[in-house]
Amino acid sequence: MEAPRSREQQARDYLKTHRIMELLDHLTSVLLFVRPALKTLGLCDADEVLSDDGHIINLPKFKKEVNKRTQEIWSSF
């Protein structure tokens, strides 16, 4: 009879099976690539810290935020 595998080994196997580390690597790369574009579009200030408020971002919420920032940009002219 085979001894039960350690929890650590089970976790490693799970991460490998579901390619979680590859996903995290890809998401990090995308964030580093896209972040300058967010600043260029005025959607992210240079000193702004991107953080999660614990809520899901849906299309209406995204549009509202983009419209708010666009209005701020245009009001400066």
Protein backbone atom coordinates (compact mmCIF):
# COMPACT_ATOMS: atom_id res chain seq x y z
CA MET A 1 0.00 0.00 0.00
CA GLU A 2 1.31 3.42 -0.95
CA ALA A 3 1.86 6.02 1.75
CA PRO A 4 -0.32 9.12 1.41
CA ARG A 5 1.42 11.95 -0.37
CA SER A 6 2.25 15.05 1.55
CA ARG A 7 -0.02 18.08 1.25
CA GLU A 8 2.88 20.02 -0.25
CA GLN A 9 3.32 17.46 -3.02
CA GLN A 10 -0.43 17.44 -3.66
CA ALA A 11 -0.36 21.23 -3.97
CA ARG A 12 2.59 21.08 -6.38
CA ASP A 13 0.78 18.51 -8.50
CA TYR A 14 -2.38 20.63 -8.55
CA LEU A 15 -0.47 23.74 -9.63
CA LYS A 16 1.30 21.78 -12.35
CA THR A 17 -1.84 20.02 -13.59
CA HIS A 18 -3.81 23.25 -13.88
CA ARG A 19 -0.82 25.30 -15.06
CA ILE A 20 -1.43 27.92 -12.38
CA MET A 21 2.17 29.16 -12.31
CA GLU A 22 2.11 29.65 -16.09
CA LEU A 23 -1.12 31.62 -15.73
CA LEU A 24 0.34 33.85 -13.00
CA ASP A 25 3.47 34.41 -15.10
CA HIS A 26 1.34 35.39 -18.10
CA LEU A 27 -0.89 37.72 -16.07
CA THR A 28 2.16 39.45 -14.58
CA SER A 29 3.62 39.96 -18.05
CA VAL A 30 0.34 41.35 -19.35
CA LEU A 31 0.05 43.75 -16.42
CA LEU A 32 3.58 45.06 -17.00
CA PHE A 33 2.90 45.39 -20.73
CA VAL A 34 -0.54 47.03 -20.43
CA ARG A 35 0.11 49.38 -17.51
CA PRO A 36 1.93 52.03 -19.64
CA ALA A 37 -1.02 51.96 -22.05
CA LEU A 38 -3.41 52.65 -19.19
CA LYS A 39 -1.37 55.73 -18.27
CA THR A 40 -1.23 56.89 -21.91
CA LEU A 41 -5.01 56.63 -22.19
CA GLY A 42 -5.43 58.54 -18.95
CA LEU A 43 -7.01 55.54 -17.26
CA CYS A 44 -4.25 55.25 -14.67
CA ASP A 45 -2.28 58.08 -13.07
CA ALA A 46 1.49 57.78 -12.74
CA ASP A 47 1.30 57.59 -8.95
CA GLU A 48 -1.89 55.53 -8.79
CA VAL A 49 -1.68 52.18 -7.07
CA LEU A 50 -3.70 49.47 -8.77
CA SER A 51 -5.56 47.57 -6.10
CA ASP A 52 -8.52 45.28 -5.83
CA ASP A 53 -11.53 46.64 -3.97
CA GLY A 54 -12.97 43.15 -3.70
CA HIS A 55 -15.70 43.76 -6.27
CA ILE A 56 -16.01 42.28 -9.72
CA ILE A 57 -15.44 44.74 -12.55
CA ASN A 58 -18.30 44.49 -15.00
CA LEU A 59 -18.97 46.41 -18.21
CA PRO A 60 -21.21 49.13 -16.69
CA LYS A 61 -18.71 49.74 -13.87
CA PHE A 62 -15.83 49.90 -16.37
CA LYS A 63 -17.72 52.32 -18.65
CA LYS A 64 -18.61 54.54 -15.70
CA GLU A 65 -14.96 54.74 -14.60
CA VAL A 66 -13.74 55.43 -18.15
CA ASN A 67 -16.37 58.14 -18.64
CA LYS A 68 -15.45 59.73 -15.30
CA ARG A 69 -11.77 59.86 -16.20
CA THR A 70 -12.48 61.08 -19.72
CA GLN A 71 -14.59 63.89 -18.28
CA GLU A 72 -11.72 64.83 -15.93
CA ILE A 73 -9.30 64.94 -18.85
CA TRP A 74 -11.58 67.07 -21.04
CA SER A 75 -12.48 69.44 -18.21
CA SER A 76 -8.83 70.49 -18.01
CA PHE A 77 -9.03 72.07 -21.51
